[in-house]
Amino acid sequence: MKSTYHISQYCSIKKGRIILNGDEVFNDDTIDFKDFIKLAYGHFETTYPKFFKMDNLSKLAFLTADLILKTVKTPEQGSNIALVFSNKASSLDTDRMHQKTIADKAQFYPSPAVFVYTLPNICLGEISIRHSLYSENNFFIFDRFNPKHLVDYSAILLDENKAESVLCGWVNYDNNDYESILFLVEKNGKIPFNVEELTHLQQTSWKI
C-alpha cells in the first residue's frame, strides 16, 4: 500500500503579493519585478549576497523556496529534500539577454554572468547551495501549471525513498510577468497532497 503525503508549507509570489501558508506576508505595488523582489528580499531580512547576481527566474525561485526552507529545516536535515520545479517560459527571459550580447558582431561580447543562467534548472542549484540540499532535482517545462505531474513525480520519489520530502511547484518569469507557487511535501501536514488541493491553492493564492 502506497503512503499518503501532505503539504506542510507552501508559498506563492505573484503581482506584488507574497502568500505564505495562506497568509499575506508582503504586499507592494511596485510594478517592476527587479524593484519588487529587492524590496521583498530586504523585508524578510534575507542574507545571501549572491542573490543580487542571479537572473530574475532564480531570484523568484530562490525567495519563494527560502521563505519555506529557512523556517523548517537545518542544513543537516535538509540534505534529503528533492526539488521538482516547472514552468512555461524556461529561461527565455535570460536567453533574450544573452542573445543581445552576441547579436552585434562588432560589439560581440557574450557575458559569462548572463550565460550561466541560460538553463532554467540553474535556480535549483542556487537553492541547493543556500540550503545544503543534495537530493534529486528536476525542472520540467509545461504549457501551464500541471498539478498531476507534480503529485505523481513527487510521490514516486517519496515512495521509493529517494527523498524524505519534496519541494515542488511552479516558478515562471517572462518579461516582467512572474508567478510562483511551491509546496513542501512530507508525510505529515494539514493539507492533503493531491491534484485537487494543489489546484485550489494555486487558484486562491494567485487570485488578485
N, C-alpha and C. Protein backbone atom coordinates (compact mmCIF):
# COMPACT_ATOMS: atom_id res chain seq x y z
N MET A 1 0.84 -1.20 0.00
CA MET A 1 0.00 0.00 0.00
C MET A 1 0.87 1.25 0.00
N LYS A 2 0.62 2.15 -0.93
CA LYS A 2 1.42 3.35 -1.02
C LYS A 2 1.06 4.32 0.11
N SER A 3 2.06 5.10 0.50
CA SER A 3 1.85 6.07 1.57
C SER A 3 1.08 7.27 1.03
N THR A 4 0.44 7.98 1.93
CA THR A 4 -0.19 9.25 1.58
C THR A 4 0.68 10.38 2.12
N TYR A 5 0.68 11.49 1.40
CA TYR A 5 1.55 12.60 1.77
C TYR A 5 0.74 13.87 1.94
N HIS A 6 1.37 14.84 2.58
CA HIS A 6 0.68 16.09 2.90
C HIS A 6 1.57 17.29 2.60
N ILE A 7 0.93 18.44 2.44
CA ILE A 7 1.64 19.70 2.28
C ILE A 7 1.81 20.32 3.66
N SER A 8 3.05 20.51 4.06
CA SER A 8 3.30 21.10 5.38
C SER A 8 3.51 22.60 5.31
N GLN A 9 3.97 23.09 4.16
CA GLN A 9 4.18 24.53 3.96
C GLN A 9 3.98 24.84 2.48
N TYR A 10 3.53 26.05 2.18
CA TYR A 10 3.50 26.47 0.79
C TYR A 10 3.65 27.99 0.71
N CYS A 11 4.17 28.45 -0.41
CA CYS A 11 4.42 29.88 -0.59
C CYS A 11 4.20 30.26 -2.05
N SER A 12 3.62 31.43 -2.28
CA SER A 12 3.41 31.90 -3.65
C SER A 12 3.76 33.38 -3.77
N ILE A 13 4.21 33.75 -4.96
CA ILE A 13 4.53 35.15 -5.27
C ILE A 13 3.93 35.48 -6.63
N LYS A 14 3.12 36.55 -6.67
CA LYS A 14 2.51 36.98 -7.93
C LYS A 14 1.99 38.40 -7.76
N LYS A 15 2.28 39.25 -8.75
CA LYS A 15 1.76 40.62 -8.83
C LYS A 15 1.90 41.38 -7.51
N GLY A 16 3.09 41.37 -6.96
CA GLY A 16 3.38 42.17 -5.78
C GLY A 16 2.91 41.59 -4.46
N ARG A 17 2.38 40.39 -4.46
CA ARG A 17 1.89 39.76 -3.24
C ARG A 17 2.66 38.48 -2.93
N ILE A 18 2.99 38.29 -1.67
CA ILE A 18 3.61 37.05 -1.22
C ILE A 18 2.68 36.40 -0.19
N ILE A 19 2.28 35.17 -0.48
CA ILE A 19 1.39 34.41 0.40
C ILE A 19 2.19 33.25 0.99
N LEU A 20 2.19 33.14 2.31
CA LEU A 20 2.89 32.04 2.99
C LEU A 20 1.88 31.30 3.86
N ASN A 21 1.63 30.06 3.49
CA ASN A 21 0.69 29.21 4.23
C ASN A 21 -0.69 29.87 4.40
N GLY A 22 -1.12 30.52 3.33
CA GLY A 22 -2.45 31.11 3.31
C GLY A 22 -2.54 32.54 3.80
N ASP A 23 -1.46 33.06 4.36
CA ASP A 23 -1.46 34.43 4.89
C ASP A 23 -0.61 35.34 4.01
N GLU A 24 -1.11 36.53 3.75
CA GLU A 24 -0.31 37.51 3.01
C GLU A 24 0.76 38.08 3.94
N VAL A 25 2.02 37.88 3.57
CA VAL A 25 3.12 38.32 4.43
C VAL A 25 3.88 39.50 3.84
N PHE A 26 3.58 39.85 2.58
CA PHE A 26 4.22 41.01 1.97
C PHE A 26 3.38 41.46 0.78
N ASN A 27 3.25 42.77 0.64
CA ASN A 27 2.47 43.33 -0.46
C ASN A 27 3.07 44.67 -0.84
N ASP A 28 3.39 44.84 -2.09
CA ASP A 28 3.93 46.11 -2.56
C ASP A 28 3.48 46.32 -4.00
N ASP A 29 3.06 47.54 -4.33
CA ASP A 29 2.53 47.81 -5.67
C ASP A 29 3.60 48.22 -6.68
N THR A 30 4.87 47.99 -6.33
CA THR A 30 5.95 48.27 -7.27
C THR A 30 5.76 47.44 -8.54
N ILE A 31 5.74 48.09 -9.68
CA ILE A 31 5.44 47.40 -10.93
C ILE A 31 6.63 46.59 -11.43
N ASP A 32 7.81 47.15 -11.35
CA ASP A 32 8.99 46.47 -11.89
C ASP A 32 9.41 45.33 -10.97
N PHE A 33 9.57 44.13 -11.54
CA PHE A 33 9.91 42.97 -10.74
C PHE A 33 11.23 43.13 -10.00
N LYS A 34 12.23 43.69 -10.66
CA LYS A 34 13.54 43.82 -10.03
C LYS A 34 13.46 44.66 -8.76
N ASP A 35 12.67 45.73 -8.80
CA ASP A 35 12.49 46.56 -7.61
C ASP A 35 11.68 45.84 -6.55
N PHE A 36 10.61 45.17 -6.99
CA PHE A 36 9.76 44.44 -6.04
C PHE A 36 10.53 43.36 -5.30
N ILE A 37 11.27 42.54 -6.04
CA ILE A 37 11.94 41.41 -5.40
C ILE A 37 13.05 41.88 -4.46
N LYS A 38 13.66 43.03 -4.79
CA LYS A 38 14.67 43.60 -3.91
C LYS A 38 14.03 44.09 -2.60
N LEU A 39 12.86 44.70 -2.71
CA LEU A 39 12.14 45.14 -1.52
C LEU A 39 11.74 43.95 -0.65
N ALA A 40 11.27 42.89 -1.28
CA ALA A 40 10.86 41.69 -0.55
C ALA A 40 12.06 41.04 0.13
N TYR A 41 13.18 40.98 -0.57
CA TYR A 41 14.42 40.44 0.00
C TYR A 41 14.79 41.19 1.28
N GLY A 42 14.72 42.50 1.24
CA GLY A 42 15.04 43.30 2.41
C GLY A 42 14.02 43.16 3.52
N HIS A 43 12.75 43.06 3.14
CA HIS A 43 11.68 42.94 4.13
C HIS A 43 11.85 41.70 5.00
N PHE A 44 12.25 40.60 4.38
CA PHE A 44 12.41 39.34 5.12
C PHE A 44 13.82 39.17 5.70
N GLU A 45 14.62 40.23 5.59
CA GLU A 45 15.97 40.24 6.16
C GLU A 45 16.78 39.04 5.68
N THR A 46 16.63 38.73 4.41
CA THR A 46 17.40 37.65 3.81
C THR A 46 18.85 38.06 3.70
N THR A 47 19.75 37.17 4.03
CA THR A 47 21.19 37.47 3.97
C THR A 47 21.87 36.45 3.05
N TYR A 48 21.97 36.83 1.79
CA TYR A 48 22.61 35.96 0.80
C TYR A 48 23.09 36.85 -0.35
N PRO A 49 24.28 37.43 -0.23
CA PRO A 49 24.75 38.43 -1.20
C PRO A 49 24.69 37.98 -2.65
N LYS A 50 24.86 36.68 -2.91
CA LYS A 50 24.83 36.20 -4.29
C LYS A 50 23.47 36.42 -4.95
N PHE A 51 22.44 36.64 -4.14
CA PHE A 51 21.09 36.88 -4.65
C PHE A 51 21.08 37.97 -5.71
N PHE A 52 21.86 39.02 -5.51
CA PHE A 52 21.83 40.18 -6.40
C PHE A 52 22.48 39.91 -7.75
N LYS A 53 23.23 38.80 -7.86
CA LYS A 53 23.85 38.44 -9.13
C LYS A 53 22.99 37.47 -9.94
N MET A 54 21.93 36.96 -9.33
CA MET A 54 21.08 35.99 -10.01
C MET A 54 20.23 36.64 -11.11
N ASP A 55 19.75 35.80 -12.03
CA ASP A 55 18.78 36.30 -13.00
C ASP A 55 17.40 36.36 -12.34
N ASN A 56 16.42 36.90 -13.04
CA ASN A 56 15.10 37.11 -12.44
C ASN A 56 14.41 35.81 -12.05
N LEU A 57 14.51 34.78 -12.90
CA LEU A 57 13.89 33.50 -12.58
C LEU A 57 14.47 32.91 -11.30
N SER A 58 15.78 32.98 -11.16
CA SER A 58 16.42 32.43 -9.97
C SER A 58 16.06 33.23 -8.72
N LYS A 59 15.96 34.54 -8.85
CA LYS A 59 15.55 35.36 -7.70
C LYS A 59 14.14 34.98 -7.24
N LEU A 60 13.24 34.79 -8.20
CA LEU A 60 11.88 34.42 -7.87
C LEU A 60 11.83 33.06 -7.19
N ALA A 61 12.51 32.08 -7.77
CA ALA A 61 12.52 30.73 -7.20
C ALA A 61 13.21 30.73 -5.84
N PHE A 62 14.32 31.43 -5.74
CA PHE A 62 15.11 31.44 -4.51
C PHE A 62 14.30 31.99 -3.34
N LEU A 63 13.65 33.14 -3.55
CA LEU A 63 12.93 33.75 -2.43
C LEU A 63 11.71 32.93 -2.04
N THR A 64 11.00 32.39 -3.03
CA THR A 64 9.84 31.54 -2.73
C THR A 64 10.26 30.34 -1.89
N ALA A 65 11.33 29.68 -2.31
CA ALA A 65 11.82 28.50 -1.58
C ALA A 65 12.38 28.87 -0.22
N ASP A 66 13.09 29.99 -0.17
CA ASP A 66 13.76 30.38 1.08
C ASP A 66 12.76 30.66 2.20
N LEU A 67 11.62 31.24 1.85
CA LEU A 67 10.62 31.54 2.87
C LEU A 67 10.07 30.26 3.50
N ILE A 68 10.11 29.17 2.77
CA ILE A 68 9.69 27.88 3.32
C ILE A 68 10.83 27.19 4.05
N LEU A 69 11.95 27.04 3.38
CA LEU A 69 13.02 26.18 3.89
C LEU A 69 13.77 26.75 5.09
N LYS A 70 13.92 28.06 5.17
CA LYS A 70 14.71 28.61 6.25
C LYS A 70 14.02 28.49 7.61
N THR A 71 12.73 28.21 7.60
CA THR A 71 11.99 28.11 8.87
C THR A 71 11.74 26.67 9.30
N VAL A 72 11.98 25.71 8.42
CA VAL A 72 11.61 24.34 8.77
C VAL A 72 12.74 23.34 8.73
N LYS A 73 13.90 23.71 8.16
CA LYS A 73 14.96 22.73 8.02
C LYS A 73 16.32 23.33 8.38
N THR A 74 17.14 22.53 9.03
CA THR A 74 18.54 22.88 9.19
C THR A 74 19.29 22.27 8.01
N PRO A 75 20.53 22.72 7.72
CA PRO A 75 21.27 22.12 6.61
C PRO A 75 21.40 20.61 6.72
N GLU A 76 21.60 20.10 7.95
CA GLU A 76 21.77 18.66 8.11
C GLU A 76 20.47 17.92 7.78
N GLN A 77 19.36 18.46 8.25
CA GLN A 77 18.07 17.85 7.97
C GLN A 77 17.66 18.04 6.52
N GLY A 78 18.09 19.14 5.96
CA GLY A 78 17.62 19.50 4.63
C GLY A 78 18.30 18.79 3.49
N SER A 79 19.32 17.98 3.76
CA SER A 79 20.10 17.40 2.69
C SER A 79 19.31 16.40 1.85
N ASN A 80 18.17 15.93 2.33
CA ASN A 80 17.40 14.94 1.58
C ASN A 80 16.05 15.48 1.12
N ILE A 81 16.01 16.76 0.78
CA ILE A 81 14.81 17.36 0.19
C ILE A 81 15.01 17.41 -1.33
N ALA A 82 14.13 16.74 -2.07
CA ALA A 82 14.20 16.78 -3.53
C ALA A 82 13.51 18.05 -4.03
N LEU A 83 13.95 18.53 -5.18
CA LEU A 83 13.36 19.71 -5.81
C LEU A 83 12.73 19.31 -7.14
N VAL A 84 11.44 19.60 -7.31
CA VAL A 84 10.74 19.29 -8.56
C VAL A 84 10.00 20.55 -8.99
N PHE A 85 10.60 21.29 -9.92
CA PHE A 85 10.05 22.58 -10.35
C PHE A 85 9.56 22.48 -11.79
N SER A 86 8.76 23.47 -12.18
CA SER A 86 8.26 23.52 -13.55
C SER A 86 7.91 24.95 -13.91
N ASN A 87 7.84 25.21 -15.21
CA ASN A 87 7.34 26.49 -15.70
C ASN A 87 7.03 26.42 -17.18
N LYS A 88 6.64 27.53 -17.76
CA LYS A 88 6.30 27.59 -19.18
C LYS A 88 7.40 28.24 -20.00
N ALA A 89 8.02 29.28 -19.47
CA ALA A 89 8.94 30.09 -20.26
C ALA A 89 10.38 29.58 -20.25
N SER A 90 10.65 28.51 -19.49
CA SER A 90 12.02 28.02 -19.34
C SER A 90 12.89 29.19 -18.88
N SER A 91 14.04 29.41 -19.52
CA SER A 91 14.91 30.53 -19.17
C SER A 91 14.88 31.60 -20.27
N LEU A 92 13.74 31.72 -20.95
CA LEU A 92 13.63 32.57 -22.13
C LEU A 92 14.02 34.02 -21.86
N ASP A 93 13.65 34.54 -20.70
CA ASP A 93 13.96 35.94 -20.40
C ASP A 93 15.47 36.17 -20.40
N THR A 94 16.21 35.26 -19.79
CA THR A 94 17.66 35.38 -19.77
C THR A 94 18.26 35.04 -21.13
N ASP A 95 17.64 34.12 -21.85
CA ASP A 95 18.10 33.79 -23.20
C ASP A 95 18.09 35.03 -24.10
N ARG A 96 17.06 35.84 -23.96
CA ARG A 96 16.98 37.07 -24.76
C ARG A 96 18.14 38.01 -24.41
N MET A 97 18.42 38.13 -23.13
CA MET A 97 19.53 38.98 -22.71
C MET A 97 20.85 38.47 -23.27
N HIS A 98 21.02 37.16 -23.23
CA HIS A 98 22.25 36.58 -23.78
C HIS A 98 22.35 36.83 -25.28
N GLN A 99 21.25 36.69 -25.98
CA GLN A 99 21.25 36.91 -27.42
C GLN A 99 21.68 38.33 -27.77
N LYS A 100 21.27 39.30 -26.97
CA LYS A 100 21.65 40.68 -27.22
C LYS A 100 23.16 40.88 -27.13
N THR A 101 23.81 40.10 -26.27
CA THR A 101 25.26 40.26 -26.10
C THR A 101 26.05 39.66 -27.27
N ILE A 102 25.39 38.85 -28.10
CA ILE A 102 26.12 38.22 -29.21
C ILE A 102 25.56 38.61 -30.58
N ALA A 103 24.48 39.39 -30.60
CA ALA A 103 23.82 39.72 -31.87
C ALA A 103 24.65 40.67 -32.73
N ASP A 104 25.33 41.61 -32.10
CA ASP A 104 26.11 42.61 -32.82
C ASP A 104 27.54 42.11 -32.98
N LYS A 105 27.91 41.71 -34.17
CA LYS A 105 29.24 41.16 -34.40
C LYS A 105 30.34 42.17 -34.10
N ALA A 106 30.03 43.45 -34.27
CA ALA A 106 31.03 44.48 -34.00
C ALA A 106 31.23 44.67 -32.51
N GLN A 107 30.19 44.40 -31.72
CA GLN A 107 30.27 44.55 -30.27
C GLN A 107 30.10 43.19 -29.58
N PHE A 108 30.60 42.15 -30.22
CA PHE A 108 30.41 40.78 -29.74
C PHE A 108 31.06 40.58 -28.37
N TYR A 109 30.21 40.34 -27.38
CA TYR A 109 30.74 40.07 -26.04
C TYR A 109 29.74 39.24 -25.23
N PRO A 110 29.81 37.92 -25.37
CA PRO A 110 28.91 37.06 -24.59
C PRO A 110 29.27 37.11 -23.11
N SER A 111 28.39 37.64 -22.30
CA SER A 111 28.66 37.81 -20.88
C SER A 111 28.53 36.49 -20.13
N PRO A 112 29.60 36.02 -19.46
CA PRO A 112 29.51 34.79 -18.66
C PRO A 112 28.48 34.90 -17.54
N ALA A 113 28.33 36.10 -16.98
CA ALA A 113 27.39 36.29 -15.87
C ALA A 113 25.95 36.08 -16.32
N VAL A 114 25.67 36.37 -17.61
CA VAL A 114 24.33 36.14 -18.16
C VAL A 114 24.20 34.69 -18.64
N PHE A 115 25.22 34.22 -19.34
CA PHE A 115 25.17 32.89 -19.95
C PHE A 115 24.93 31.79 -18.92
N VAL A 116 25.47 31.94 -17.72
CA VAL A 116 25.36 30.89 -16.72
C VAL A 116 23.90 30.60 -16.35
N TYR A 117 23.00 31.55 -16.59
CA TYR A 117 21.59 31.38 -16.24
C TYR A 117 20.71 31.01 -17.43
N THR A 118 21.30 30.58 -18.54
CA THR A 118 20.50 30.23 -19.71
C THR A 118 20.02 28.78 -19.68
N LEU A 119 19.83 28.25 -18.50
CA LEU A 119 19.13 26.99 -18.28
C LEU A 119 18.19 27.19 -17.09
N PRO A 120 16.96 26.75 -17.16
CA PRO A 120 16.02 27.02 -16.06
C PRO A 120 16.39 26.32 -14.75
N ASN A 121 17.10 25.20 -14.85
CA ASN A 121 17.41 24.45 -13.63
C ASN A 121 18.54 25.07 -12.81
N ILE A 122 19.15 26.13 -13.30
CA ILE A 122 20.20 26.79 -12.51
C ILE A 122 19.62 27.32 -11.20
N CYS A 123 18.36 27.70 -11.20
CA CYS A 123 17.75 28.19 -9.96
C CYS A 123 17.70 27.09 -8.90
N LEU A 124 17.60 25.83 -9.33
CA LEU A 124 17.63 24.72 -8.39
C LEU A 124 18.99 24.64 -7.70
N GLY A 125 20.04 24.91 -8.46
CA GLY A 125 21.38 24.91 -7.88
C GLY A 125 21.56 26.02 -6.85
N GLU A 126 20.99 27.19 -7.14
CA GLU A 126 21.09 28.30 -6.19
C GLU A 126 20.41 27.95 -4.86
N ILE A 127 19.24 27.32 -4.95
CA ILE A 127 18.51 26.91 -3.74
C ILE A 127 19.27 25.81 -3.01
N SER A 128 19.81 24.86 -3.76
CA SER A 128 20.54 23.75 -3.15
C SER A 128 21.77 24.23 -2.40
N ILE A 129 22.48 25.18 -2.97
CA ILE A 129 23.67 25.73 -2.31
C ILE A 129 23.27 26.44 -1.02
N ARG A 130 22.25 27.24 -1.10
CA ARG A 130 21.79 28.01 0.06
C ARG A 130 21.39 27.10 1.23
N HIS A 131 20.70 25.99 0.91
CA HIS A 131 20.14 25.15 1.97
C HIS A 131 20.82 23.78 2.08
N SER A 132 21.97 23.63 1.46
CA SER A 132 22.76 22.38 1.55
C SER A 132 21.92 21.17 1.18
N LEU A 133 21.27 21.24 0.03
CA LEU A 133 20.46 20.12 -0.44
C LEU A 133 21.27 19.27 -1.40
N TYR A 134 21.20 17.95 -1.23
CA TYR A 134 21.99 17.04 -2.05
C TYR A 134 21.15 15.98 -2.74
N SER A 135 19.82 16.12 -2.70
CA SER A 135 18.95 15.12 -3.29
C SER A 135 18.68 15.42 -4.76
N GLU A 136 17.82 14.59 -5.33
CA GLU A 136 17.46 14.72 -6.74
C GLU A 136 16.76 16.05 -6.99
N ASN A 137 17.00 16.63 -8.17
CA ASN A 137 16.26 17.82 -8.57
C ASN A 137 16.01 17.80 -10.07
N ASN A 138 14.83 18.27 -10.45
CA ASN A 138 14.43 18.29 -11.85
C ASN A 138 13.60 19.52 -12.14
N PHE A 139 13.73 20.02 -13.37
CA PHE A 139 12.95 21.17 -13.82
C PHE A 139 12.24 20.79 -15.12
N PHE A 140 10.91 20.85 -15.11
CA PHE A 140 10.10 20.44 -16.25
C PHE A 140 9.42 21.65 -16.89
N ILE A 141 9.18 21.55 -18.20
CA ILE A 141 8.54 22.63 -18.95
C ILE A 141 7.15 22.16 -19.42
N PHE A 142 6.11 22.93 -19.04
CA PHE A 142 4.74 22.63 -19.45
C PHE A 142 4.08 23.91 -19.95
N ASP A 143 2.98 23.76 -20.67
CA ASP A 143 2.22 24.92 -21.15
C ASP A 143 1.55 25.68 -20.02
N ARG A 144 1.24 24.96 -18.94
CA ARG A 144 0.54 25.57 -17.80
C ARG A 144 0.86 24.79 -16.53
N PHE A 145 0.44 25.34 -15.41
CA PHE A 145 0.59 24.67 -14.13
C PHE A 145 0.02 23.25 -14.22
N ASN A 146 0.83 22.25 -13.85
CA ASN A 146 0.47 20.85 -14.05
C ASN A 146 0.51 20.11 -12.72
N PRO A 147 -0.55 20.19 -11.92
CA PRO A 147 -0.53 19.57 -10.60
C PRO A 147 -0.42 18.06 -10.63
N LYS A 148 -0.99 17.41 -11.64
CA LYS A 148 -0.93 15.94 -11.69
C LYS A 148 0.51 15.46 -11.81
N HIS A 149 1.29 16.13 -12.64
CA HIS A 149 2.69 15.74 -12.77
C HIS A 149 3.44 15.94 -11.45
N LEU A 150 3.19 17.05 -10.79
CA LEU A 150 3.85 17.31 -9.52
C LEU A 150 3.51 16.25 -8.49
N VAL A 151 2.25 15.87 -8.43
CA VAL A 151 1.81 14.85 -7.47
C VAL A 151 2.42 13.49 -7.81
N ASP A 152 2.33 13.10 -9.07
CA ASP A 152 2.83 11.78 -9.47
C ASP A 152 4.33 11.66 -9.30
N TYR A 153 5.07 12.66 -9.76
CA TYR A 153 6.53 12.58 -9.72
C TYR A 153 7.04 12.65 -8.27
N SER A 154 6.46 13.53 -7.48
CA SER A 154 6.88 13.67 -6.09
C SER A 154 6.59 12.39 -5.30
N ALA A 155 5.42 11.78 -5.56
CA ALA A 155 5.06 10.56 -4.86
C ALA A 155 6.02 9.43 -5.17
N ILE A 156 6.48 9.36 -6.41
CA ILE A 156 7.45 8.32 -6.78
C ILE A 156 8.74 8.49 -5.99
N LEU A 157 9.23 9.71 -5.89
CA LEU A 157 10.47 9.97 -5.14
C LEU A 157 10.31 9.58 -3.67
N LEU A 158 9.16 9.88 -3.10
CA LEU A 158 8.93 9.58 -1.70
C LEU A 158 8.66 8.09 -1.48
N ASP A 159 7.88 7.48 -2.35
CA ASP A 159 7.58 6.06 -2.24
C ASP A 159 8.84 5.20 -2.35
N GLU A 160 9.77 5.61 -3.21
CA GLU A 160 10.99 4.85 -3.44
C GLU A 160 12.13 5.28 -2.53
N ASN A 161 11.80 6.13 -1.53
CA ASN A 161 12.78 6.59 -0.53
C ASN A 161 13.98 7.30 -1.16
N LYS A 162 13.72 7.97 -2.27
CA LYS A 162 14.78 8.77 -2.89
C LYS A 162 14.86 10.16 -2.26
N ALA A 163 13.88 10.49 -1.43
CA ALA A 163 13.87 11.75 -0.70
C ALA A 163 12.98 11.59 0.52
N GLU A 164 13.29 12.36 1.55
CA GLU A 164 12.45 12.37 2.74
C GLU A 164 11.30 13.36 2.61
N SER A 165 11.50 14.36 1.78
CA SER A 165 10.46 15.34 1.48
C SER A 165 10.76 15.95 0.11
N VAL A 166 9.77 16.64 -0.45
CA VAL A 166 9.92 17.21 -1.79
C VAL A 166 9.41 18.65 -1.77
N LEU A 167 10.19 19.55 -2.33
CA LEU A 167 9.74 20.91 -2.58
C LEU A 167 9.40 20.99 -4.06
N CYS A 168 8.12 21.14 -4.37
CA CYS A 168 7.71 21.09 -5.77
C CYS A 168 6.80 22.26 -6.10
N GLY A 169 6.66 22.53 -7.40
CA GLY A 169 5.75 23.60 -7.79
C GLY A 169 6.09 24.25 -9.11
N TRP A 170 5.68 25.51 -9.24
CA TRP A 170 5.73 26.27 -10.49
C TRP A 170 6.43 27.59 -10.24
N VAL A 171 7.41 27.92 -11.08
CA VAL A 171 8.13 29.19 -10.98
C VAL A 171 8.35 29.71 -12.39
N ASN A 172 7.61 30.75 -12.78
CA ASN A 172 7.68 31.24 -14.15
C ASN A 172 7.97 32.74 -14.17
N TYR A 173 8.91 33.14 -15.03
CA TYR A 173 9.22 34.56 -15.23
C TYR A 173 9.44 34.81 -16.71
N ASP A 174 8.76 35.84 -17.23
CA ASP A 174 8.94 36.20 -18.63
C ASP A 174 8.52 37.65 -18.84
N ASN A 175 9.49 38.50 -19.13
CA ASN A 175 9.22 39.90 -19.49
C ASN A 175 8.40 40.62 -18.42
N ASN A 176 8.87 40.53 -17.19
CA ASN A 176 8.28 41.20 -16.02
C ASN A 176 6.94 40.60 -15.58
N ASP A 177 6.54 39.50 -16.20
CA ASP A 177 5.35 38.76 -15.77
C ASP A 177 5.85 37.57 -14.95
N TYR A 178 5.44 37.50 -13.69
CA TYR A 178 6.00 36.47 -12.81
C TYR A 178 4.94 35.83 -11.94
N GLU A 179 5.14 34.56 -11.65
CA GLU A 179 4.25 33.83 -10.77
C GLU A 179 4.97 32.59 -10.26
N SER A 180 4.84 32.35 -8.97
CA SER A 180 5.45 31.15 -8.39
C SER A 180 4.54 30.60 -7.30
N ILE A 181 4.59 29.29 -7.15
CA ILE A 181 3.97 28.64 -6.00
C ILE A 181 4.72 27.34 -5.75
N LEU A 182 5.20 27.17 -4.53
CA LEU A 182 5.96 26.00 -4.15
C LEU A 182 5.32 25.34 -2.93
N PHE A 183 5.39 24.00 -2.90
CA PHE A 183 4.80 23.21 -1.83
C PHE A 183 5.86 22.31 -1.21
N LEU A 184 5.92 22.27 0.10
CA LEU A 184 6.80 21.32 0.78
C LEU A 184 5.95 20.11 1.13
N VAL A 185 6.32 18.96 0.57
CA VAL A 185 5.53 17.74 0.71
C VAL A 185 6.24 16.76 1.63
N GLU A 186 5.52 16.30 2.64
CA GLU A 186 6.08 15.39 3.63
C GLU A 186 5.01 14.38 4.05
N LYS A 187 5.37 13.48 4.95
CA LYS A 187 4.39 12.52 5.46
C LYS A 187 3.37 13.20 6.35
N ASN A 188 3.79 14.22 7.06
CA ASN A 188 2.90 14.90 7.99
C ASN A 188 2.55 16.29 7.49
N GLY A 189 1.35 16.72 7.77
CA GLY A 189 0.91 18.04 7.38
C GLY A 189 -0.59 18.14 7.45
N LYS A 190 -1.11 19.35 7.36
CA LYS A 190 -2.55 19.56 7.49
C LYS A 190 -3.29 19.47 6.15
N ILE A 191 -2.58 19.65 5.04
CA ILE A 191 -3.23 19.71 3.74
C ILE A 191 -2.90 18.47 2.93
N PRO A 192 -3.89 17.70 2.47
CA PRO A 192 -3.62 16.53 1.64
C PRO A 192 -2.88 16.93 0.36
N PHE A 193 -1.96 16.10 -0.05
CA PHE A 193 -1.19 16.36 -1.27
C PHE A 193 -1.84 15.61 -2.42
N ASN A 194 -2.69 16.33 -3.15
CA ASN A 194 -3.36 15.74 -4.30
C ASN A 194 -3.65 16.84 -5.33
N VAL A 195 -4.12 16.42 -6.49
CA VAL A 195 -4.34 17.36 -7.59
C VAL A 195 -5.35 18.44 -7.21
N GLU A 196 -6.41 18.04 -6.54
CA GLU A 196 -7.47 18.98 -6.19
C GLU A 196 -6.96 20.08 -5.26
N GLU A 197 -6.17 19.69 -4.25
CA GLU A 197 -5.66 20.67 -3.30
C GLU A 197 -4.65 21.60 -3.94
N LEU A 198 -3.76 21.05 -4.78
CA LEU A 198 -2.77 21.90 -5.46
C LEU A 198 -3.47 22.91 -6.37
N THR A 199 -4.48 22.46 -7.08
CA THR A 199 -5.24 23.36 -7.96
C THR A 199 -5.92 24.45 -7.15
N HIS A 200 -6.53 24.08 -6.05
CA HIS A 200 -7.22 25.05 -5.19
C HIS A 200 -6.25 26.08 -4.62
N LEU A 201 -5.11 25.61 -4.10
CA LEU A 201 -4.14 26.53 -3.50
C LEU A 201 -3.54 27.46 -4.55
N GLN A 202 -3.29 26.94 -5.73
CA GLN A 202 -2.74 27.79 -6.80
C GLN A 202 -3.75 28.85 -7.21
N GLN A 203 -5.00 28.48 -7.36
CA GLN A 203 -6.02 29.43 -7.79
C GLN A 203 -6.30 30.49 -6.74
N THR A 204 -6.36 30.10 -5.48
CA THR A 204 -6.64 31.08 -4.42
C THR A 204 -5.44 31.97 -4.15
N SER A 205 -4.24 31.43 -4.25
CA SER A 205 -3.04 32.24 -3.99
C SER A 205 -2.80 33.26 -5.08
N TRP A 206 -3.16 32.93 -6.32
CA TRP A 206 -2.91 33.82 -7.44
C TRP A 206 -4.08 34.74 -7.74
N LYS A 207 -5.18 34.59 -7.04
CA LYS A 207 -6.35 35.41 -7.30
C LYS A 207 -6.08 36.84 -6.86
N ILE A 208 -6.18 37.77 -7.77
CA ILE A 208 -5.91 39.17 -7.48
C ILE A 208 -7.22 39.96 -7.59
